[in-house]
Amino acid sequence: MTTRARSLLTSSAVVAVLAATALVAPTATASPAATVTTTAPAVSAPTLVTAYEPSAADARIVSKLTARVTTARFGTQFSGAVMDAHTGKLLWSKNGNTALKPASTIKFVAATNALRRFGPTYRFSTTVRRGTQADQVVLIGSGDPALSSTQLVSLAKQTAYAMKANGQLRVRLYADDTLFAAPSLAAGWPSTYIPDETTWLRALVVDQRQVSDTTIDAAKIFAAKLKTYGITVASVTRGTASTANPVLATSAGQTVDQIVTRMMMESDNEHAEALHRLVGVRSGAGKTWSAASSAATKGLTYEGLAATAIYDGSGLSRSDRLTSIQLAKMVKNTFEPANRVPFRILRSSPGLPQAGMTGTLRASYDRFTASTSKCAAGKVYAKTGTLRDAVALAGWTIGKDGRIKAFAFIINGNPTSTTVMRQNIDMLAATVNGCY
């Protein structure tokens, strides 16, 4: 974790607001879908509008936020914005165009870029190819951050069948992680981030294991799976696969929707960095940090947002900068008609943490439990962000006028403790909802 709904909603989105050694040819498999269950309180359906109309609820939001956003509470490094999600009307802002460290709310960038670039149902496929020699096999990383050991079992079974069919019971195993550039620190990452906050980014990792070399770790686990199917692995090392050689096995992983859900709900840094890099690779920008950042910036431009500074996908970088207006617009854009399908998960639960109930906004994290915000429990959906000197919240809620409000608040510096900053920022979200 970072210290680690114009379209208007379809009915489904409103509901959310509303995986033997016998020589039998195995088949390629997809990993089982992740199941997330939440119990959401009943909420009113949003009012559908096409042009902004002033409301008493909006007037109250402006009055209350203006009174409550004080220097004593939020310090001098604060940026906040509230928009009507249907029309894009800016209802309220304070330092709305001031760029600050957004912490993990920047994961909205990785989420929207990945969903648009790949589509929500796309699955990253991990493959095994034959090497240049008869006894060589190459496990090829697809950059899938959710690759599971269950998938490796399927890959091992398929590979063993293919090798046995050729009378090959002993192999040399190579691991290809060249989809991504060699691991390095992103701009703005202190060296202490590895392994405290995340691990080195490689194109091959299994079960999100936190080890120094995830590629060789995954290869060794794959080797053990091969052994259970009667294949002896003589050696394990890095190597590069040739697309001219035949595919022996393949396994499709979770959908991009599922990966994004994990990233947004639990603020998963590894998922965020993998998606950030994969967008860079798929866009043709390249496989480095700078290429991924370039692709992310272009993604923001596509959304009609001027870029500030994006150096990673997780928000760990101390050089990342976004404004609250940019973040609120990102949230608002998820409700645009053209984004109804790709961004569905970002307009619903479990795609975003639900105040006081799920993900990084659950009550056990002391979110929406204070007297100033508990009235909004179950009524706010938002992405959190926390660094040692930054707290942020970006999401949406249905106001007292029945219309959806997109909001973003960022605090930098340490005007109070992290706990108090979170309570204060939750209070602002409750103010937008209108319950406080």
Foldseek 3Di string as FASTA:
>chain_A
DALQALLHADCCLLCQLHFALDLDAAAAEEDDADDDDFDFDDDDAFDDDQDDDDDPLLVLLAVVVVVQPDCLQFNDFKWKWKAQLSHRHTSDIDVQFPKAQAFQLLLLLLQLLLLVLQNQFDWFKWFKFAAPDLQEIETEFRLDLAAALRSLLSRLSLLSSVSVVVPAQEHAYAYEFVLADFFDDWAQADPVVVPVRHETRTRAAYPRDRDNDRRQVRRVSSQVSNVVNRHHHPYYYHDHGDPVTDIRHMYTYYGSLSLLLCCAQAVHQNSQQSSLQSSLSSVVQGRYQVSSQVSSQVSLVVLVHHADDDRGRRSNRNPHIDGFSSLLSSQSSCNNPVNNRSSSLQSGPPSFDFACTGGCRHCVVVGQPDPLAVVCGSFWGWGWRNHQFKTKIWGWGQAPVSTIMTMIMMGGGPSDGPSSSRVSNSSSVSSSNPPD
